[in-house]
Amino acid sequence: MTARSRLPLTGLRVFEAAARHESFLRAAEELAITPGAVSRQIKALEAEFSVRLFERFNRAVRLTDEGRRLALGVGQGLGIVEEAVAELRSPRKAVLAVTAMHSFAARWLVPRLHLFNQRYPDIQVMVAASDATVDMVRDRYDVAIRFGRGPYPGFVVKKLVSLFMFPVCSPRLLDQTSLKVPADLAKVQLLSDVRLAPGEPHWPEWLELAGAPEVDWRRGQQFSNVYLAIEAAMAGHGVALAEAALVQEELASGRLIKPFDIELLSDYSQWILTMPEKADRPDVRRFRTWLVEQADADGLTRIE
């Protein structure tokens, strides 16, 4: 027999009520038993623990120091039990845990997430932004959106967004500097993300494709995240090489423009990853389908 199985649970429940009210009579009323039954349960506890829990007076009782210590622990323990029972009887809505890379989460996913919430108000989505490799089992993520070439063995994988890149800048920059041909980029700051995956396309590949390999992209401002490079471009500080998905709204609003129509298409993509055991869960399937619908509507899925 374990120590837990020897706990006098009935007596402790009675004691907690009596300690909270500091009254055997009010405890009896709460528990729908007689004051005598309350007194007997308390005496049984005092005998078992060999300690006095209450000081008795003619018409009142008062906790002893030992009684106060026990009341604190028993009250906390019963509170936890009550919460667990309430959760079982009326479970909270499950949370769909999603991880995405910082730039993609901030510039594409989060601005559209309200559309998913409107369609599926019963599914609560928690988005965690991280560029680091995540352990979906340990960290309990249901869906991961990750950037790379694939494949991703061990996961159920769906391509979400093709990677095609092009220069973007503020209209204010063109008021100051003429950018008629790609070689004119030598006259402005080229803003770049320096934390790239091996083989990830960047300024040198775009400049080669555009016929301006002589432009020195290294002399411009460098950032640890493409999100920051785009922010600098919107502020008019230079030209950023942006992934199309990250500048959809800025291009539509006119805060950014494309000075050239040349696009660099890569074998890198944004992918939806799920663990096989979660892939057919209704909330996961709905979220995955919604993501693909959004990418298709934005024209972000292309065949190379």
C-alpha atoms as a PDB file:
ATOM      1  CA  MET A   1       0.000   0.000   0.000  1.00  0.00           C
ATOM      2  CA  THR A   2       1.409   3.375  -0.994  1.00  0.00           C
ATOM      3  CA  ALA A   3       1.566   6.457   1.230  1.00  0.00           C
ATOM      4  CA  ARG A   4      -0.929   8.148  -1.084  1.00  0.00           C
ATOM      5  CA  SER A   5      -3.471   5.350  -0.640  1.00  0.00           C
ATOM      6  CA  ARG A   6      -3.255   5.792   3.166  1.00  0.00           C
ATOM      7  CA  LEU A   7      -4.196   9.490   3.038  1.00  0.00           C
ATOM      8  CA  PRO A   8      -7.397  10.180   5.043  1.00  0.00           C
ATOM      9  CA  LEU A   9      -8.992  12.040   2.141  1.00  0.00           C
ATOM     10  CA  THR A  10     -12.460  12.355   3.663  1.00  0.00           C
ATOM     11  CA  GLY A  11     -11.056  13.742   6.876  1.00  0.00           C
ATOM     12  CA  LEU A  12      -8.801  16.179   5.009  1.00  0.00           C
ATOM     13  CA  ARG A  13     -11.737  17.455   2.975  1.00  0.00           C
ATOM     14  CA  VAL A  14     -13.696  18.073   6.156  1.00  0.00           C
ATOM     15  CA  PHE A  15     -10.663  19.692   7.785  1.00  0.00           C
ATOM     16  CA  GLU A  16     -10.153  22.044   4.796  1.00  0.00           C
ATOM     17  CA  ALA A  17     -13.723  23.324   5.068  1.00  0.00           C
ATOM     18  CA  ALA A  18     -13.469  23.763   8.834  1.00  0.00           C
ATOM     19  CA  ALA A  19     -10.120  25.548   8.502  1.00  0.00           C
ATOM     20  CA  ARG A  20     -11.391  27.860   5.776  1.00  0.00           C
ATOM     21  CA  HIS A  21     -14.424  28.894   7.816  1.00  0.00           C
ATOM     22  CA  GLU A  22     -12.763  28.453  11.234  1.00  0.00           C
ATOM     23  CA  SER A  23     -16.112  27.005  12.214  1.00  0.00           C
ATOM     24  CA  PHE A  24     -17.288  23.423  12.583  1.00  0.00           C
ATOM     25  CA  LEU A  25     -20.888  24.576  12.156  1.00  0.00           C
ATOM     26  CA  ARG A  26     -20.308  26.380   8.847  1.00  0.00           C
ATOM     27  CA  ALA A  27     -18.192  23.491   7.565  1.00  0.00           C
ATOM     28  CA  ALA A  28     -21.047  21.120   8.406  1.00  0.00           C
ATOM     29  CA  GLU A  29     -23.516  23.341   6.522  1.00  0.00           C
ATOM     30  CA  GLU A  30     -21.253  23.431   3.452  1.00  0.00           C
ATOM     31  CA  LEU A  31     -20.688  19.675   3.439  1.00  0.00           C
ATOM     32  CA  ALA A  32     -24.285  18.788   4.381  1.00  0.00           C
ATOM     33  CA  ILE A  33     -23.240  16.770   7.438  1.00  0.00           C
ATOM     34  CA  THR A  34     -23.736  17.339  11.170  1.00  0.00           C
ATOM     35  CA  PRO A  35     -21.352  19.420  13.315  1.00  0.00           C
ATOM     36  CA  GLY A  36     -20.753  16.273  15.321  1.00  0.00           C
ATOM     37  CA  ALA A  37     -19.508  14.471  12.194  1.00  0.00           C
ATOM     38  CA  VAL A  38     -17.133  17.342  11.511  1.00  0.00           C
ATOM     39  CA  SER A  39     -15.810  17.185  15.073  1.00  0.00           C
ATOM     40  CA  ARG A  40     -15.278  13.415  14.846  1.00  0.00           C
ATOM     41  CA  GLN A  41     -13.330  13.725  11.560  1.00  0.00           C
ATOM     42  CA  ILE A  42     -11.083  16.424  13.031  1.00  0.00           C
ATOM     43  CA  LYS A  43     -10.436  14.368  16.190  1.00  0.00           C
ATOM     44  CA  ALA A  44      -9.564  11.356  14.007  1.00  0.00           C
ATOM     45  CA  LEU A  45      -7.013  13.444  12.101  1.00  0.00           C
ATOM     46  CA  GLU A  46      -5.500  14.807  15.302  1.00  0.00           C
ATOM     47  CA  ALA A  47      -5.182  11.266  16.649  1.00  0.00           C
ATOM     48  CA  GLU A  48      -3.579   9.992  13.428  1.00  0.00           C
ATOM     49  CA  PHE A  49      -1.097  12.883  13.188  1.00  0.00           C
ATOM     50  CA  SER A  50      -0.547  13.149  16.969  1.00  0.00           C
ATOM     51  CA  VAL A  51      -1.002  16.904  16.813  1.00  0.00           C
ATOM     52  CA  ARG A  52      -3.717  19.404  17.781  1.00  0.00           C
ATOM     53  CA  LEU A  53      -5.149  21.140  14.708  1.00  0.00           C
ATOM     54  CA  PHE A  54      -7.676  23.442  16.427  1.00  0.00           C
ATOM     55  CA  GLU A  55      -7.936  25.241  19.739  1.00  0.00           C
ATOM     56  CA  ARG A  56     -11.477  24.743  21.014  1.00  0.00           C
ATOM     57  CA  PHE A  57     -13.454  27.434  22.817  1.00  0.00           C
ATOM     58  CA  ASN A  58     -17.061  27.501  24.012  1.00  0.00           C
ATOM     59  CA  ARG A  59     -18.530  28.794  20.761  1.00  0.00           C
ATOM     60  CA  ALA A  60     -15.520  28.977  18.423  1.00  0.00           C
ATOM     61  CA  VAL A  61     -12.459  27.162  17.143  1.00  0.00           C
ATOM     62  CA  ARG A  62      -9.104  28.551  16.039  1.00  0.00           C
ATOM     63  CA  LEU A  63      -6.341  26.902  14.000  1.00  0.00           C
ATOM     64  CA  THR A  64      -3.109  26.058  15.734  1.00  0.00           C
ATOM     65  CA  ASP A  65       0.215  26.745  13.987  1.00  0.00           C
ATOM     66  CA  GLU A  66       0.312  23.107  12.890  1.00  0.00           C
ATOM     67  CA  GLY A  67      -3.272  23.386  11.674  1.00  0.00           C
ATOM     68  CA  ARG A  68      -2.434  26.460   9.574  1.00  0.00           C
ATOM     69  CA  ARG A  69       0.440  24.649   7.881  1.00  0.00           C
ATOM     70  CA  LEU A  70      -1.738  21.674   7.069  1.00  0.00           C
ATOM     71  CA  ALA A  71      -4.596  23.907   5.893  1.00  0.00           C
ATOM     72  CA  LEU A  72      -2.276  25.671   3.443  1.00  0.00           C
ATOM     73  CA  GLY A  73      -1.095  22.424   1.835  1.00  0.00           C
ATOM     74  CA  VAL A  74      -4.508  20.762   1.791  1.00  0.00           C
ATOM     75  CA  GLY A  75      -6.149  23.881   0.316  1.00  0.00           C
ATOM     76  CA  GLN A  76      -3.614  24.052  -2.495  1.00  0.00           C
ATOM     77  CA  GLY A  77      -3.932  20.339  -3.210  1.00  0.00           C
ATOM     78  CA  LEU A  78      -7.723  20.372  -3.334  1.00  0.00           C
ATOM     79  CA  GLY A  79      -7.602  23.429  -5.591  1.00  0.00           C
ATOM     80  CA  ILE A  80      -5.478  21.524  -8.103  1.00  0.00           C
ATOM     81  CA  VAL A  81      -7.848  18.556  -7.957  1.00  0.00           C
ATOM     82  CA  GLU A  82     -10.872  20.812  -8.508  1.00  0.00           C
ATOM     83  CA  GLU A  83      -9.218  22.430 -11.544  1.00  0.00           C
ATOM     84  CA  ALA A  84      -8.433  19.006 -13.034  1.00  0.00           C
ATOM     85  CA  VAL A  85     -12.015  17.823 -12.544  1.00  0.00           C
ATOM     86  CA  ALA A  86     -13.426  21.038 -14.025  1.00  0.00           C
ATOM     87  CA  GLU A  87     -11.141  20.658 -17.053  1.00  0.00           C
ATOM     88  CA  LEU A  88     -12.323  17.076 -17.528  1.00  0.00           C
ATOM     89  CA  ARG A  89     -15.969  18.049 -17.313  1.00  0.00           C
ATOM     90  CA  SER A  90     -15.659  21.079 -19.566  1.00  0.00           C
ATOM     91  CA  PRO A  91     -12.424  20.852 -21.572  1.00  0.00           C
ATOM     92  CA  ARG A  92     -10.944  24.039 -22.992  1.00  0.00           C
ATOM     93  CA  LYS A  93     -10.624  24.411 -26.728  1.00  0.00           C
ATOM     94  CA  ALA A  94      -7.491  22.734 -27.989  1.00  0.00           C
ATOM     95  CA  VAL A  95      -4.739  25.029 -29.242  1.00  0.00           C
ATOM     96  CA  LEU A  96      -3.181  24.424 -32.668  1.00  0.00           C
ATOM     97  CA  ALA A  97       0.523  25.114 -32.137  1.00  0.00           C
ATOM     98  CA  VAL A  98       2.275  26.438 -35.259  1.00  0.00           C
ATOM     99  CA  THR A  99       5.931  27.367 -35.706  1.00  0.00           C
ATOM    100  CA  ALA A 100       7.148  29.501 -38.609  1.00  0.00           C
ATOM    101  CA  MET A 101      10.297  31.442 -39.410  1.00  0.00           C
ATOM    102  CA  HIS A 102      10.333  35.028 -38.141  1.00  0.00           C
ATOM    103  CA  SER A 103      10.098  36.872 -41.461  1.00  0.00           C
ATOM    104  CA  PHE A 104       7.456  34.580 -42.936  1.00  0.00           C
ATOM    105  CA  ALA A 105       5.369  34.659 -39.765  1.00  0.00           C
ATOM    106  CA  ALA A 106       5.478  38.446 -39.462  1.00  0.00           C
ATOM    107  CA  ARG A 107       5.047  39.385 -43.117  1.00  0.00           C
ATOM    108  CA  TRP A 108       2.791  36.676 -44.539  1.00  0.00           C
ATOM    109  CA  LEU A 109       1.168  34.392 -41.982  1.00  0.00           C
ATOM    110  CA  VAL A 110       0.112  36.744 -39.183  1.00  0.00           C
ATOM    111  CA  PRO A 111      -1.467  39.421 -41.452  1.00  0.00           C
ATOM    112  CA  ARG A 112      -3.762  36.698 -42.877  1.00  0.00           C
ATOM    113  CA  LEU A 113      -4.441  34.699 -39.733  1.00  0.00           C
ATOM    114  CA  HIS A 114      -7.647  36.587 -38.940  1.00  0.00           C
ATOM    115  CA  LEU A 115      -9.152  35.043 -42.095  1.00  0.00           C
ATOM    116  CA  PHE A 116      -8.604  31.569 -40.670  1.00  0.00           C
ATOM    117  CA  ASN A 117     -10.055  32.674 -37.333  1.00  0.00           C
ATOM    118  CA  GLN A 118     -13.159  33.958 -39.102  1.00  0.00           C
ATOM    119  CA  ARG A 119     -13.645  30.676 -40.955  1.00  0.00           C
ATOM    120  CA  TYR A 120     -12.861  28.414 -38.000  1.00  0.00           C
ATOM    121  CA  PRO A 121     -13.608  30.339 -34.786  1.00  0.00           C
ATOM    122  CA  ASP A 122     -13.498  27.121 -32.769  1.00  0.00           C
ATOM    123  CA  ILE A 123      -9.800  26.519 -33.594  1.00  0.00           C
ATOM    124  CA  GLN A 124      -7.384  28.614 -31.563  1.00  0.00           C
ATOM    125  CA  VAL A 125      -3.990  29.042 -33.258  1.00  0.00           C
ATOM    126  CA  MET A 126      -0.787  29.804 -31.358  1.00  0.00           C
ATOM    127  CA  VAL A 127       2.063  30.996 -33.613  1.00  0.00           C
ATOM    128  CA  ALA A 128       5.661  30.781 -32.424  1.00  0.00           C
ATOM    129  CA  ALA A 129       8.266  32.487 -34.600  1.00  0.00           C
ATOM    130  CA  SER A 130      11.713  30.909 -34.689  1.00  0.00           C
ATOM    131  CA  ASP A 131      14.459  30.521 -37.280  1.00  0.00           C
ATOM    132  CA  ALA A 132      16.059  27.685 -35.305  1.00  0.00           C
ATOM    133  CA  THR A 133      15.516  24.001 -35.946  1.00  0.00           C
ATOM    134  CA  VAL A 134      12.639  22.775 -33.798  1.00  0.00           C
ATOM    135  CA  ASP A 135      11.836  19.378 -32.331  1.00  0.00           C
ATOM    136  CA  MET A 136       8.135  18.998 -33.084  1.00  0.00           C
ATOM    137  CA  VAL A 137       7.743  16.140 -30.609  1.00  0.00           C
ATOM    138  CA  ARG A 138       9.589  17.735 -27.707  1.00  0.00           C
ATOM    139  CA  ASP A 139       8.209  21.228 -28.318  1.00  0.00           C
ATOM    140  CA  ARG A 140       4.698  19.909 -29.083  1.00  0.00           C
ATOM    141  CA  TYR A 141       4.163  21.755 -32.339  1.00  0.00           C
ATOM    142  CA  ASP A 142       1.359  20.560 -34.584  1.00  0.00           C
ATOM    143  CA  VAL A 143       2.436  22.350 -37.775  1.00  0.00           C
ATOM    144  CA  ALA A 144       5.807  23.748 -38.853  1.00  0.00           C
ATOM    145  CA  ILE A 145       6.385  26.079 -41.797  1.00  0.00           C
ATOM    146  CA  ARG A 146      10.002  25.831 -42.806  1.00  0.00           C
ATOM    147  CA  PHE A 147      12.258  27.191 -45.539  1.00  0.00           C
ATOM    148  CA  GLY A 148      14.486  24.867 -47.525  1.00  0.00           C
ATOM    149  CA  ARG A 149      14.841  22.461 -50.423  1.00  0.00           C
ATOM    150  CA  GLY A 150      13.286  19.386 -48.852  1.00  0.00           C
ATOM    151  CA  PRO A 151      12.661  16.499 -48.713  1.00  0.00           C
ATOM    152  CA  TYR A 152      11.878  16.122 -45.034  1.00  0.00           C
ATOM    153  CA  PRO A 153      11.861  12.392 -44.222  1.00  0.00           C
ATOM    154  CA  GLY A 154       9.623  11.359 -41.366  1.00  0.00           C
ATOM    155  CA  PHE A 155       7.132  14.181 -41.954  1.00  0.00           C
ATOM    156  CA  VAL A 156       3.982  14.652 -43.985  1.00  0.00           C
ATOM    157  CA  VAL A 157       5.108  17.455 -46.318  1.00  0.00           C
ATOM    158  CA  LYS A 158       3.238  19.946 -48.498  1.00  0.00           C
ATOM    159  CA  LYS A 159       4.863  22.677 -50.550  1.00  0.00           C
ATOM    160  CA  LEU A 160       3.377  26.032 -49.603  1.00  0.00           C
ATOM    161  CA  VAL A 161       5.265  28.829 -51.365  1.00  0.00           C
ATOM    162  CA  SER A 162       7.775  28.822 -54.213  1.00  0.00           C
ATOM    163  CA  LEU A 163      10.761  31.079 -53.715  1.00  0.00           C
ATOM    164  CA  PHE A 164      11.084  33.796 -56.315  1.00  0.00           C
ATOM    165  CA  MET A 165      13.011  36.940 -55.521  1.00  0.00           C
ATOM    166  CA  PHE A 166      13.353  40.434 -56.957  1.00  0.00           C
ATOM    167  CA  PRO A 167      14.613  43.876 -55.874  1.00  0.00           C
ATOM    168  CA  VAL A 168      12.226  46.207 -54.038  1.00  0.00           C
ATOM    169  CA  CYS A 169      12.571  49.791 -52.869  1.00  0.00           C
ATOM    170  CA  SER A 170      10.576  52.760 -51.661  1.00  0.00           C
ATOM    171  CA  PRO A 171       9.077  55.061 -54.314  1.00  0.00           C
ATOM    172  CA  ARG A 172      10.950  57.869 -52.543  1.00  0.00           C
ATOM    173  CA  LEU A 173      14.250  56.313 -53.560  1.00  0.00           C
ATOM    174  CA  LEU A 174      13.340  56.610 -57.235  1.00  0.00           C
ATOM    175  CA  ASP A 175      12.631  60.295 -56.717  1.00  0.00           C
ATOM    176  CA  GLN A 176      16.297  60.669 -55.806  1.00  0.00           C
ATOM    177  CA  THR A 177      18.012  58.086 -58.035  1.00  0.00           C
ATOM    178  CA  SER A 178      17.193  56.784 -61.485  1.00  0.00           C
ATOM    179  CA  LEU A 179      17.083  52.968 -61.743  1.00  0.00           C
ATOM    180  CA  LYS A 180      16.445  52.295 -65.424  1.00  0.00           C
ATOM    181  CA  VAL A 181      18.646  49.198 -65.872  1.00  0.00           C
ATOM    182  CA  PRO A 182      20.030  46.686 -63.338  1.00  0.00           C
ATOM    183  CA  ALA A 183      23.527  48.179 -63.638  1.00  0.00           C
ATOM    184  CA  ASP A 184      22.134  51.360 -62.043  1.00  0.00           C
ATOM    185  CA  LEU A 185      21.978  49.465 -58.749  1.00  0.00           C
ATOM    186  CA  ALA A 186      25.656  50.372 -58.374  1.00  0.00           C
ATOM    187  CA  LYS A 187      24.454  53.878 -57.458  1.00  0.00           C
ATOM    188  CA  VAL A 188      22.438  52.806 -54.391  1.00  0.00           C
ATOM    189  CA  GLN A 189      22.817  50.801 -51.208  1.00  0.00           C
ATOM    190  CA  LEU A 190      21.962  47.129 -51.660  1.00  0.00           C
ATOM    191  CA  LEU A 191      20.380  45.779 -48.476  1.00  0.00           C
ATOM    192  CA  SER A 192      21.035  42.134 -47.709  1.00  0.00           C
ATOM    193  CA  ASP A 193      20.344  39.302 -45.303  1.00  0.00           C
ATOM    194  CA  VAL A 194      23.646  37.709 -44.287  1.00  0.00           C
ATOM    195  CA  ARG A 195      22.237  34.645 -42.484  1.00  0.00           C
ATOM    196  CA  LEU A 196      21.634  32.413 -45.462  1.00  0.00           C
ATOM    197  CA  ALA A 197      21.320  28.671 -45.794  1.00  0.00           C
ATOM    198  CA  PRO A 198      24.006  26.964 -47.905  1.00  0.00           C
ATOM    199  CA  GLY A 199      23.041  27.414 -51.553  1.00  0.00           C
ATOM    200  CA  GLU A 200      20.216  29.852 -50.796  1.00  0.00           C
ATOM    201  CA  PRO A 201      19.915  32.385 -53.666  1.00  0.00           C
ATOM    202  CA  HIS A 202      21.026  35.926 -53.027  1.00  0.00           C
ATOM    203  CA  TRP A 203      22.137  39.151 -54.710  1.00  0.00           C
ATOM    204  CA  PRO A 204      24.977  37.574 -56.747  1.00  0.00           C
ATOM    205  CA  GLU A 205      22.560  35.149 -58.442  1.00  0.00           C
ATOM    206  CA  TRP A 206      20.000  37.838 -59.198  1.00  0.00           C
ATOM    207  CA  LEU A 207      22.652  40.256 -60.539  1.00  0.00           C
ATOM    208  CA  GLU A 208      24.050  37.496 -62.772  1.00  0.00           C
ATOM    209  CA  LEU A 209      20.567  36.723 -64.081  1.00  0.00           C
ATOM    210  CA  ALA A 210      19.940  40.441 -64.674  1.00  0.00           C
ATOM    211  CA  GLY A 211      23.186  40.873 -66.626  1.00  0.00           C
ATOM    212  CA  ALA A 212      24.867  43.095 -64.023  1.00  0.00           C
ATOM    213  CA  PRO A 213      27.368  40.829 -62.222  1.00  0.00           C
ATOM    214  CA  GLU A 214      29.788  43.729 -61.840  1.00  0.00           C
ATOM    215  CA  VAL A 215      27.598  45.460 -59.228  1.00  0.00           C
ATOM    216  CA  ASP A 216      29.204  45.034 -55.790  1.00  0.00           C
ATOM    217  CA  TRP A 217      26.366  44.051 -53.472  1.00  0.00           C
ATOM    218  CA  ARG A 218      28.673  43.678 -50.430  1.00  0.00           C
ATOM    219  CA  ARG A 219      29.130  47.414 -49.915  1.00  0.00           C
ATOM    220  CA  GLY A 220      25.528  47.893 -48.762  1.00  0.00           C
ATOM    221  CA  GLN A 221      24.000  47.530 -45.327  1.00  0.00           C
ATOM    222  CA  GLN A 222      23.758  43.960 -44.056  1.00  0.00           C
ATOM    223  CA  PHE A 223      21.196  42.510 -41.654  1.00  0.00           C
ATOM    224  CA  SER A 224      20.680  39.285 -39.732  1.00  0.00           C
ATOM    225  CA  ASN A 225      17.157  38.931 -41.091  1.00  0.00           C
ATOM    226  CA  VAL A 226      15.492  39.760 -44.403  1.00  0.00           C
ATOM    227  CA  TYR A 227      12.638  41.333 -42.438  1.00  0.00           C
ATOM    228  CA  LEU A 228      15.032  44.090 -41.358  1.00  0.00           C
ATOM    229  CA  ALA A 229      16.307  44.580 -44.904  1.00  0.00           C
ATOM    230  CA  ILE A 230      12.730  45.076 -46.107  1.00  0.00           C
ATOM    231  CA  GLU A 231      12.054  47.567 -43.320  1.00  0.00           C
ATOM    232  CA  ALA A 232      15.152  49.538 -44.362  1.00  0.00           C
ATOM    233  CA  ALA A 233      13.977  49.507 -47.985  1.00  0.00           C
ATOM    234  CA  MET A 234      10.565  50.878 -46.978  1.00  0.00           C
ATOM    235  CA  ALA A 235      12.357  53.644 -45.089  1.00  0.00           C
ATOM    236  CA  GLY A 236      14.105  54.626 -48.334  1.00  0.00           C
ATOM    237  CA  HIS A 237      17.584  53.521 -47.293  1.00  0.00           C
ATOM    238  CA  GLY A 238      18.305  51.275 -50.256  1.00  0.00           C
ATOM    239  CA  VAL A 239      17.156  48.316 -52.350  1.00  0.00           C
ATOM    240  CA  ALA A 240      16.404  44.919 -50.794  1.00  0.00           C
ATOM    241  CA  LEU A 241      16.240  41.560 -52.521  1.00  0.00           C
ATOM    242  CA  ALA A 242      12.910  40.266 -51.268  1.00  0.00           C
ATOM    243  CA  GLU A 243      11.047  37.000 -51.368  1.00  0.00           C
ATOM    244  CA  ALA A 244       7.698  37.664 -53.065  1.00  0.00           C
ATOM    245  CA  ALA A 245       5.635  36.288 -50.171  1.00  0.00           C
ATOM    246  CA  LEU A 246       7.175  38.787 -47.770  1.00  0.00           C
ATOM    247  CA  VAL A 247       6.241  41.938 -49.693  1.00  0.00           C
ATOM    248  CA  GLN A 248       2.736  41.189 -50.997  1.00  0.00           C
ATOM    249  CA  GLU A 249       0.950  43.846 -48.979  1.00  0.00           C
ATOM    250  CA  GLU A 250       3.681  46.461 -49.385  1.00  0.00           C
ATOM    251  CA  LEU A 251       3.620  46.120 -53.176  1.00  0.00           C
ATOM    252  CA  ALA A 252      -0.181  46.271 -53.229  1.00  0.00           C
ATOM    253  CA  SER A 253      -0.234  49.409 -51.077  1.00  0.00           C
ATOM    254  CA  GLY A 254       2.583  51.114 -52.963  1.00  0.00           C
ATOM    255  CA  ARG A 255       4.901  51.337 -49.980  1.00  0.00           C
ATOM    256  CA  LEU A 256       7.342  49.264 -52.033  1.00  0.00           C
ATOM    257  CA  ILE A 257       7.815  48.984 -55.776  1.00  0.00           C
ATOM    258  CA  LYS A 258       9.677  46.657 -58.128  1.00  0.00           C
ATOM    259  CA  PRO A 259      12.157  48.709 -60.162  1.00  0.00           C
ATOM    260  CA  PHE A 260      12.752  45.690 -62.446  1.00  0.00           C
ATOM    261  CA  ASP A 261      10.560  42.778 -63.545  1.00  0.00           C
ATOM    262  CA  ILE A 262      13.377  40.200 -63.441  1.00  0.00           C
ATOM    263  CA  GLU A 263      12.596  37.431 -60.937  1.00  0.00           C
ATOM    264  CA  LEU A 264      14.985  34.798 -59.621  1.00  0.00           C
ATOM    265  CA  LEU A 265      13.191  31.472 -59.122  1.00  0.00           C
ATOM    266  CA  SER A 266      14.878  28.987 -56.808  1.00  0.00           C
ATOM    267  CA  ASP A 267      14.483  25.394 -55.709  1.00  0.00           C
ATOM    268  CA  TYR A 268      14.097  26.694 -52.149  1.00  0.00           C
ATOM    269  CA  SER A 269      10.506  26.869 -50.917  1.00  0.00           C
ATOM    270  CA  GLN A 270       8.372  27.309 -47.829  1.00  0.00           C
ATOM    271  CA  TRP A 271       7.049  23.905 -46.750  1.00  0.00           C
ATOM    272  CA  ILE A 272       4.292  22.737 -44.396  1.00  0.00           C
ATOM    273  CA  LEU A 273       5.508  19.933 -42.130  1.00  0.00           C
ATOM    274  CA  THR A 274       3.382  17.767 -39.843  1.00  0.00           C
ATOM    275  CA  MET A 275       4.082  14.595 -37.904  1.00  0.00           C
ATOM    276  CA  PRO A 276       2.352  11.571 -39.483  1.00  0.00           C
ATOM    277  CA  GLU A 277       0.319  10.893 -36.347  1.00  0.00           C
ATOM    278  CA  LYS A 278      -1.133  14.428 -36.447  1.00  0.00           C
ATOM    279  CA  ALA A 279      -1.527  14.909 -40.194  1.00  0.00           C
ATOM    280  CA  ASP A 280      -5.167  13.722 -40.344  1.00  0.00           C
ATOM    281  CA  ARG A 281      -6.327  15.577 -37.259  1.00  0.00           C
ATOM    282  CA  PRO A 282      -9.244  17.805 -38.364  1.00  0.00           C
ATOM    283  CA  ASP A 283      -7.747  21.094 -37.147  1.00  0.00           C
ATOM    284  CA  VAL A 284      -4.387  20.313 -38.740  1.00  0.00           C
ATOM    285  CA  ARG A 285      -6.012  19.383 -42.066  1.00  0.00           C
ATOM    286  CA  ARG A 286      -8.098  22.550 -42.075  1.00  0.00           C
ATOM    287  CA  PHE A 287      -5.134  24.767 -41.299  1.00  0.00           C
ATOM    288  CA  ARG A 288      -2.958  23.095 -43.936  1.00  0.00           C
ATOM    289  CA  THR A 289      -5.688  23.424 -46.582  1.00  0.00           C
ATOM    290  CA  TRP A 290      -6.266  27.068 -45.654  1.00  0.00           C
ATOM    291  CA  LEU A 291      -2.542  27.857 -45.942  1.00  0.00           C
ATOM    292  CA  VAL A 292      -2.384  26.395 -49.444  1.00  0.00           C
ATOM    293  CA  GLU A 293      -5.538  28.280 -50.485  1.00  0.00           C
ATOM    294  CA  GLN A 294      -3.984  31.551 -49.312  1.00  0.00           C
ATOM    295  CA  ALA A 295      -0.715  30.906 -51.151  1.00  0.00           C
ATOM    296  CA  ASP A 296      -2.572  29.986 -54.350  1.00  0.00           C
ATOM    297  CA  ALA A 297      -4.709  33.135 -54.111  1.00  0.00           C
ATOM    298  CA  ASP A 298      -1.540  35.206 -53.792  1.00  0.00           C
ATOM    299  CA  GLY A 299       0.029  33.481 -56.822  1.00  0.00           C
ATOM    300  CA  LEU A 300       2.910  32.205 -54.731  1.00  0.00           C
ATOM    301  CA  THR A 301       3.015  28.599 -55.914  1.00  0.00           C
ATOM    302  CA  ARG A 302       4.869  28.210 -59.176  1.00  0.00           C
ATOM    303  CA  ILE A 303       6.258  25.248 -61.069  1.00  0.00           C
ATOM    304  CA  GLU A 304       9.933  25.630 -61.866  1.00  0.00           C
END
